[in-house]
Amino acid sequence: MMLDLIARDHGAELAAQVSEQFVVGRIWQRGDHQRMKIAARYGIHNRKLIQVIGVMEQHMEEPFSPDALAESIGVT
């Protein structure tokens, strides 16, 4: 119900973002990563695409060049 109200007032994109923050399947440990897995978050299944998104997320402060991204996951 909360997500429906958020979507009505602020749009589906914000409702999806809020939903992602509240997905809880277990009690998290202090060092655990709490976001949904990349495949579920973006609805993708290509292993290489999932890998490159993971690398991009880990290097947001200093983004990799396209060539460095490709090299990091073993593609040209």
PDB file of N, CA and C in Angstrom:
ATOM      1  N   MET A   1       0.824  -1.178   0.000  1.00  0.00           N
ATOM      2  CA  MET A   1       0.000   0.000   0.000  1.00  0.00           C
ATOM      3  C   MET A   1       0.877   1.253   0.000  1.00  0.00           C
ATOM      4  N   MET A   2       1.950   1.239   0.816  1.00  0.00           N
ATOM      5  CA  MET A   2       2.842   2.383   0.886  1.00  0.00           C
ATOM      6  C   MET A   2       3.413   2.698  -0.493  1.00  0.00           C
ATOM      7  N   LEU A   3       3.849   1.674  -1.205  1.00  0.00           N
ATOM      8  CA  LEU A   3       4.455   1.889  -2.516  1.00  0.00           C
ATOM      9  C   LEU A   3       3.448   2.421  -3.527  1.00  0.00           C
ATOM     10  N   ASP A   4       2.214   1.975  -3.433  1.00  0.00           N
ATOM     11  CA  ASP A   4       1.173   2.481  -4.325  1.00  0.00           C
ATOM     12  C   ASP A   4       0.935   3.968  -4.079  1.00  0.00           C
ATOM     13  N   LEU A   5       0.914   4.368  -2.827  1.00  0.00           N
ATOM     14  CA  LEU A   5       0.724   5.782  -2.500  1.00  0.00           C
ATOM     15  C   LEU A   5       1.898   6.625  -2.998  1.00  0.00           C
ATOM     16  N   ILE A   6       3.109   6.122  -2.823  1.00  0.00           N
ATOM     17  CA  ILE A   6       4.284   6.845  -3.312  1.00  0.00           C
ATOM     18  C   ILE A   6       4.226   6.972  -4.831  1.00  0.00           C
ATOM     19  N   ALA A   7       3.864   5.888  -5.509  1.00  0.00           N
ATOM     20  CA  ALA A   7       3.777   5.917  -6.974  1.00  0.00           C
ATOM     21  C   ALA A   7       2.734   6.915  -7.442  1.00  0.00           C
ATOM     22  N   ARG A   8       1.601   6.951  -6.785  1.00  0.00           N
ATOM     23  CA  ARG A   8       0.547   7.893  -7.175  1.00  0.00           C
ATOM     24  C   ARG A   8       0.991   9.345  -7.019  1.00  0.00           C
ATOM     25  N   ASP A   9       1.665   9.619  -5.893  1.00  0.00           N
ATOM     26  CA  ASP A   9       2.043  11.003  -5.590  1.00  0.00           C
ATOM     27  C   ASP A   9       3.357  11.446  -6.236  1.00  0.00           C
ATOM     28  N   HIS A  10       4.274  10.485  -6.441  1.00  0.00           N
ATOM     29  CA  HIS A  10       5.627  10.867  -6.870  1.00  0.00           C
ATOM     30  C   HIS A  10       6.153  10.085  -8.064  1.00  0.00           C
ATOM     31  N   GLY A  11       5.382   9.131  -8.561  1.00  0.00           N
ATOM     32  CA  GLY A  11       5.800   8.383  -9.743  1.00  0.00           C
ATOM     33  C   GLY A  11       6.327   6.989  -9.428  1.00  0.00           C
ATOM     34  N   ALA A  12       6.228   6.142 -10.444  1.00  0.00           N
ATOM     35  CA  ALA A  12       6.613   4.733 -10.298  1.00  0.00           C
ATOM     36  C   ALA A  12       8.106   4.568 -10.059  1.00  0.00           C
ATOM     37  N   GLU A  13       8.920   5.439 -10.647  1.00  0.00           N
ATOM     38  CA  GLU A  13      10.375   5.303 -10.478  1.00  0.00           C
ATOM     39  C   GLU A  13      10.780   5.473  -9.016  1.00  0.00           C
ATOM     40  N   LEU A  14      10.250   6.487  -8.355  1.00  0.00           N
ATOM     41  CA  LEU A  14      10.566   6.676  -6.933  1.00  0.00           C
ATOM     42  C   LEU A  14      10.030   5.518  -6.108  1.00  0.00           C
ATOM     43  N   ALA A  15       8.842   5.034  -6.419  1.00  0.00           N
ATOM     44  CA  ALA A  15       8.280   3.895  -5.689  1.00  0.00           C
ATOM     45  C   ALA A  15       9.186   2.673  -5.816  1.00  0.00           C
ATOM     46  N   ALA A  16       9.744   2.440  -7.003  1.00  0.00           N
ATOM     47  CA  ALA A  16      10.658   1.309  -7.200  1.00  0.00           C
ATOM     48  C   ALA A  16      11.935   1.497  -6.395  1.00  0.00           C
ATOM     49  N   GLN A  17      12.437   2.721  -6.331  1.00  0.00           N
ATOM     50  CA  GLN A  17      13.648   2.989  -5.556  1.00  0.00           C
ATOM     51  C   GLN A  17      13.414   2.770  -4.065  1.00  0.00           C
ATOM     52  N   VAL A  18      12.269   3.218  -3.584  1.00  0.00           N
ATOM     53  CA  VAL A  18      11.923   2.999  -2.178  1.00  0.00           C
ATOM     54  C   VAL A  18      11.779   1.505  -1.907  1.00  0.00           C
ATOM     55  N   SER A  19      11.133   0.801  -2.815  1.00  0.00           N
ATOM     56  CA  SER A  19      10.943  -0.634  -2.669  1.00  0.00           C
ATOM     57  C   SER A  19      12.279  -1.351  -2.535  1.00  0.00           C
ATOM     58  N   GLU A  20      13.237  -0.947  -3.371  1.00  0.00           N
ATOM     59  CA  GLU A  20      14.554  -1.574  -3.323  1.00  0.00           C
ATOM     60  C   GLU A  20      15.197  -1.399  -1.951  1.00  0.00           C
ATOM     61  N   GLN A  21      14.997  -0.266  -1.329  1.00  0.00           N
ATOM     62  CA  GLN A  21      15.603  -0.006  -0.031  1.00  0.00           C
ATOM     63  C   GLN A  21      14.963  -0.833   1.091  1.00  0.00           C
ATOM     64  N   PHE A  22      13.737  -1.304   0.881  1.00  0.00           N
ATOM     65  CA  PHE A  22      13.032  -2.028   1.928  1.00  0.00           C
ATOM     66  C   PHE A  22      12.936  -3.532   1.702  1.00  0.00           C
ATOM     67  N   VAL A  23      13.629  -4.050   0.699  1.00  0.00           N
ATOM     68  CA  VAL A  23      13.619  -5.487   0.466  1.00  0.00           C
ATOM     69  C   VAL A  23      14.490  -6.140   1.527  1.00  0.00           C
ATOM     70  N   VAL A  24      13.858  -6.936   2.381  1.00  0.00           N
ATOM     71  CA  VAL A  24      14.587  -7.575   3.467  1.00  0.00           C
ATOM     72  C   VAL A  24      14.241  -9.061   3.478  1.00  0.00           C
ATOM     73  N   GLY A  25      15.212  -9.893   3.188  1.00  0.00           N
ATOM     74  CA  GLY A  25      15.001 -11.328   3.204  1.00  0.00           C
ATOM     75  C   GLY A  25      15.621 -12.000   4.408  1.00  0.00           C
ATOM     76  N   ARG A  26      16.444 -11.239   5.104  1.00  0.00           N
ATOM     77  CA  ARG A  26      17.112 -11.781   6.293  1.00  0.00           C
ATOM     78  C   ARG A  26      17.660 -10.616   7.107  1.00  0.00           C
ATOM     79  N   ILE A  27      18.179 -10.901   8.284  1.00  0.00           N
ATOM     80  CA  ILE A  27      18.805  -9.861   9.093  1.00  0.00           C
ATOM     81  C   ILE A  27      20.231  -9.674   8.575  1.00  0.00           C
ATOM     82  N   TRP A  28      20.560  -8.470   8.209  1.00  0.00           N
ATOM     83  CA  TRP A  28      21.859  -8.184   7.612  1.00  0.00           C
ATOM     84  C   TRP A  28      22.940  -8.035   8.669  1.00  0.00           C
ATOM     85  N   GLN A  29      24.114  -8.477   8.331  1.00  0.00           N
ATOM     86  CA  GLN A  29      25.280  -8.252   9.173  1.00  0.00           C
ATOM     87  C   GLN A  29      25.839  -6.865   8.849  1.00  0.00           C
ATOM     88  N   ARG A  30      26.625  -6.319   9.714  1.00  0.00           N
ATOM     89  CA  ARG A  30      27.134  -4.959   9.558  1.00  0.00           C
ATOM     90  C   ARG A  30      27.831  -4.726   8.218  1.00  0.00           C
ATOM     91  N   GLY A  31      28.633  -5.651   7.737  1.00  0.00           N
ATOM     92  CA  GLY A  31      29.386  -5.460   6.507  1.00  0.00           C
ATOM     93  C   GLY A  31      28.677  -5.913   5.245  1.00  0.00           C
ATOM     94  N   ASP A  32      27.463  -6.434   5.361  1.00  0.00           N
ATOM     95  CA  ASP A  32      26.743  -6.959   4.199  1.00  0.00           C
ATOM     96  C   ASP A  32      26.293  -5.859   3.248  1.00  0.00           C
ATOM     97  N   HIS A  33      26.288  -6.198   1.977  1.00  0.00           N
ATOM     98  CA  HIS A  33      25.763  -5.312   0.944  1.00  0.00           C
ATOM     99  C   HIS A  33      24.244  -5.485   0.933  1.00  0.00           C
ATOM    100  N   GLN A  34      23.488  -4.402   1.064  1.00  0.00           N
ATOM    101  CA  GLN A  34      22.049  -4.532   1.264  1.00  0.00           C
ATOM    102  C   GLN A  34      21.195  -4.269   0.037  1.00  0.00           C
ATOM    103  N   ARG A  35      21.786  -3.937  -1.094  1.00  0.00           N
ATOM    104  CA  ARG A  35      20.982  -3.699  -2.289  1.00  0.00           C
ATOM    105  C   ARG A  35      20.619  -5.012  -2.955  1.00  0.00           C
ATOM    106  N   MET A  36      19.592  -4.957  -3.779  1.00  0.00           N
ATOM    107  CA  MET A  36      19.217  -6.125  -4.564  1.00  0.00           C
ATOM    108  C   MET A  36      20.362  -6.471  -5.505  1.00  0.00           C
ATOM    109  N   LYS A  37      20.450  -7.729  -5.887  1.00  0.00           N
ATOM    110  CA  LYS A  37      21.472  -8.127  -6.845  1.00  0.00           C
ATOM    111  C   LYS A  37      21.216  -7.423  -8.170  1.00  0.00           C
ATOM    112  N   ILE A  38      22.301  -7.206  -8.918  1.00  0.00           N
ATOM    113  CA  ILE A  38      22.230  -6.453 -10.173  1.00  0.00           C
ATOM    114  C   ILE A  38      21.204  -7.052 -11.132  1.00  0.00           C
ATOM    115  N   ALA A  39      21.212  -8.368 -11.291  1.00  0.00           N
ATOM    116  CA  ALA A  39      20.285  -9.013 -12.232  1.00  0.00           C
ATOM    117  C   ALA A  39      18.835  -8.696 -11.877  1.00  0.00           C
ATOM    118  N   ALA A  40      18.504  -8.757 -10.595  1.00  0.00           N
ATOM    119  CA  ALA A  40      17.133  -8.478 -10.162  1.00  0.00           C
ATOM    120  C   ALA A  40      16.812  -6.993 -10.265  1.00  0.00           C
ATOM    121  N   ARG A  41      17.762  -6.161  -9.905  1.00  0.00           N
ATOM    122  CA  ARG A  41      17.543  -4.715  -9.908  1.00  0.00           C
ATOM    123  C   ARG A  41      17.241  -4.189 -11.303  1.00  0.00           C
ATOM    124  N   TYR A  42      17.969  -4.696 -12.312  1.00  0.00           N
ATOM    125  CA  TYR A  42      17.818  -4.185 -13.669  1.00  0.00           C
ATOM    126  C   TYR A  42      17.095  -5.143 -14.607  1.00  0.00           C
ATOM    127  N   GLY A  43      16.753  -6.331 -14.123  1.00  0.00           N
ATOM    128  CA  GLY A  43      16.039  -7.288 -14.964  1.00  0.00           C
ATOM    129  C   GLY A  43      16.882  -7.811 -16.117  1.00  0.00           C
ATOM    130  N   ILE A  44      18.165  -8.030 -15.853  1.00  0.00           N
ATOM    131  CA  ILE A  44      19.061  -8.523 -16.908  1.00  0.00           C
ATOM    132  C   ILE A  44      19.615  -9.891 -16.518  1.00  0.00           C
ATOM    133  N   HIS A  45      20.049 -10.640 -17.529  1.00  0.00           N
ATOM    134  CA  HIS A  45      20.558 -11.984 -17.270  1.00  0.00           C
ATOM    135  C   HIS A  45      21.889 -12.251 -17.953  1.00  0.00           C
ATOM    136  N   ASN A  46      22.383 -11.313 -18.737  1.00  0.00           N
ATOM    137  CA  ASN A  46      23.659 -11.484 -19.418  1.00  0.00           C
ATOM    138  C   ASN A  46      24.788 -11.358 -18.396  1.00  0.00           C
ATOM    139  N   ARG A  47      25.563 -12.432 -18.256  1.00  0.00           N
ATOM    140  CA  ARG A  47      26.604 -12.504 -17.229  1.00  0.00           C
ATOM    141  C   ARG A  47      27.636 -11.378 -17.372  1.00  0.00           C
ATOM    142  N   LYS A  48      28.071 -11.101 -18.586  1.00  0.00           N
ATOM    143  CA  LYS A  48      29.076 -10.059 -18.810  1.00  0.00           C
ATOM    144  C   LYS A  48      28.516  -8.672 -18.488  1.00  0.00           C
ATOM    145  N   LEU A  49      27.270  -8.423 -18.828  1.00  0.00           N
ATOM    146  CA  LEU A  49      26.647  -7.144 -18.521  1.00  0.00           C
ATOM    147  C   LEU A  49      26.517  -6.959 -17.011  1.00  0.00           C
ATOM    148  N   ILE A  50      26.155  -8.014 -16.320  1.00  0.00           N
ATOM    149  CA  ILE A  50      26.074  -7.966 -14.856  1.00  0.00           C
ATOM    150  C   ILE A  50      27.446  -7.657 -14.267  1.00  0.00           C
ATOM    151  N   GLN A  51      28.486  -8.290 -14.805  1.00  0.00           N
ATOM    152  CA  GLN A  51      29.846  -8.050 -14.314  1.00  0.00           C
ATOM    153  C   GLN A  51      30.258  -6.593 -14.530  1.00  0.00           C
ATOM    154  N   VAL A  52      30.005  -6.065 -15.714  1.00  0.00           N
ATOM    155  CA  VAL A  52      30.454  -4.707 -16.006  1.00  0.00           C
ATOM    156  C   VAL A  52      29.688  -3.688 -15.166  1.00  0.00           C
ATOM    157  N   ILE A  53      28.427  -3.918 -14.917  1.00  0.00           N
ATOM    158  CA  ILE A  53      27.668  -3.012 -14.045  1.00  0.00           C
ATOM    159  C   ILE A  53      28.253  -3.048 -12.640  1.00  0.00           C
ATOM    160  N   GLY A  54      28.614  -4.242 -12.173  1.00  0.00           N
ATOM    161  CA  GLY A  54      29.246  -4.363 -10.856  1.00  0.00           C
ATOM    162  C   GLY A  54      30.548  -3.582 -10.769  1.00  0.00           C
ATOM    163  N   VAL A  55      31.371  -3.682 -11.797  1.00  0.00           N
ATOM    164  CA  VAL A  55      32.632  -2.936 -11.826  1.00  0.00           C
ATOM    165  C   VAL A  55      32.346  -1.431 -11.826  1.00  0.00           C
ATOM    166  N   MET A  56      31.373  -1.013 -12.625  1.00  0.00           N
ATOM    167  CA  MET A  56      31.033   0.404 -12.692  1.00  0.00           C
ATOM    168  C   MET A  56      30.551   0.920 -11.326  1.00  0.00           C
ATOM    169  N   GLU A  57      29.745   0.124 -10.637  1.00  0.00           N
ATOM    170  CA  GLU A  57      29.248   0.538  -9.325  1.00  0.00           C
ATOM    171  C   GLU A  57      30.386   0.643  -8.308  1.00  0.00           C
ATOM    172  N   GLN A  58      31.385  -0.222  -8.428  1.00  0.00           N
ATOM    173  CA  GLN A  58      32.507  -0.206  -7.488  1.00  0.00           C
ATOM    174  C   GLN A  58      33.466   0.951  -7.743  1.00  0.00           C
ATOM    175  N   HIS A  59      33.394   1.564  -8.918  1.00  0.00           N
ATOM    176  CA  HIS A  59      34.340   2.621  -9.276  1.00  0.00           C
ATOM    177  C   HIS A  59      33.621   3.913  -9.672  1.00  0.00           C
ATOM    178  N   MET A  60      32.574   4.249  -8.959  1.00  0.00           N
ATOM    179  CA  MET A  60      31.809   5.449  -9.306  1.00  0.00           C
ATOM    180  C   MET A  60      32.596   6.732  -9.040  1.00  0.00           C
ATOM    181  N   GLU A  61      33.459   6.728  -8.049  1.00  0.00           N
ATOM    182  CA  GLU A  61      34.238   7.924  -7.735  1.00  0.00           C
ATOM    183  C   GLU A  61      35.237   8.237  -8.841  1.00  0.00           C
ATOM    184  N   GLU A  62      35.841   7.202  -9.396  1.00  0.00           N
ATOM    185  CA  GLU A  62      36.797   7.354 -10.495  1.00  0.00           C
ATOM    186  C   GLU A  62      36.423   6.337 -11.569  1.00  0.00           C
ATOM    187  N   PRO A  63      35.477   6.686 -12.448  1.00  0.00           N
ATOM    188  CA  PRO A  63      34.968   5.737 -13.448  1.00  0.00           C
ATOM    189  C   PRO A  63      36.062   5.218 -14.373  1.00  0.00           C
ATOM    190  N   PHE A  64      35.907   3.953 -14.760  1.00  0.00           N
ATOM    191  CA  PHE A  64      36.802   3.328 -15.732  1.00  0.00           C
ATOM    192  C   PHE A  64      36.441   3.822 -17.133  1.00  0.00           C
ATOM    193  N   SER A  65      37.421   3.833 -17.998  1.00  0.00           N
ATOM    194  CA  SER A  65      37.156   4.113 -19.412  1.00  0.00           C
ATOM    195  C   SER A  65      36.454   2.894 -20.001  1.00  0.00           C
ATOM    196  N   PRO A  66      35.797   3.043 -21.148  1.00  0.00           N
ATOM    197  CA  PRO A  66      35.171   1.871 -21.779  1.00  0.00           C
ATOM    198  C   PRO A  66      36.168   0.730 -22.030  1.00  0.00           C
ATOM    199  N   ASP A  67      37.392   1.069 -22.450  1.00  0.00           N
ATOM    200  CA  ASP A  67      38.402   0.029 -22.682  1.00  0.00           C
ATOM    201  C   ASP A  67      38.786  -0.681 -21.387  1.00  0.00           C
ATOM    202  N   ALA A  68      38.944   0.082 -20.304  1.00  0.00           N
ATOM    203  CA  ALA A  68      39.295  -0.517 -19.017  1.00  0.00           C
ATOM    204  C   ALA A  68      38.156  -1.388 -18.496  1.00  0.00           C
ATOM    205  N   LEU A  69      36.905  -0.958 -18.711  1.00  0.00           N
ATOM    206  CA  LEU A  69      35.757  -1.774 -18.313  1.00  0.00           C
ATOM    207  C   LEU A  69      35.762  -3.101 -19.055  1.00  0.00           C
ATOM    208  N   ALA A  70      35.976  -3.024 -20.366  1.00  0.00           N
ATOM    209  CA  ALA A  70      35.987  -4.249 -21.184  1.00  0.00           C
ATOM    210  C   ALA A  70      37.092  -5.183 -20.714  1.00  0.00           C
ATOM    211  N   GLU A  71      38.274  -4.632 -20.483  1.00  0.00           N
ATOM    212  CA  GLU A  71      39.403  -5.453 -20.026  1.00  0.00           C
ATOM    213  C   GLU A  71      39.118  -6.090 -18.684  1.00  0.00           C
ATOM    214  N   SER A  72      38.462  -5.346 -17.775  1.00  0.00           N
ATOM    215  CA  SER A  72      38.203  -5.858 -16.425  1.00  0.00           C
ATOM    216  C   SER A  72      37.294  -7.080 -16.420  1.00  0.00           C
ATOM    217  N   ILE A  73      36.453  -7.238 -17.454  1.00  0.00           N
ATOM    218  CA  ILE A  73      35.560  -8.405 -17.499  1.00  0.00           C
ATOM    219  C   ILE A  73      35.949  -9.394 -18.593  1.00  0.00           C
ATOM    220  N   GLY A  74      37.080  -9.110 -19.274  1.00  0.00           N
ATOM    221  CA  GLY A  74      37.594 -10.059 -20.239  1.00  0.00           C
ATOM    222  C   GLY A  74      36.908 -10.061 -21.594  1.00  0.00           C
ATOM    223  N   VAL A  75      36.484  -8.868 -22.052  1.00  0.00           N
ATOM    224  CA  VAL A  75      35.917  -8.749 -23.400  1.00  0.00           C
ATOM    225  C   VAL A  75      36.668  -7.660 -24.150  1.00  0.00           C
ATOM    226  N   THR A  76      36.485  -7.613 -25.467  1.00  0.00           N
ATOM    227  CA  THR A  76      37.138  -6.574 -26.255  1.00  0.00           C
ATOM    228  C   THR A  76      36.145  -5.503 -26.632  1.00  0.00           C
TER     229      THR A  76
END
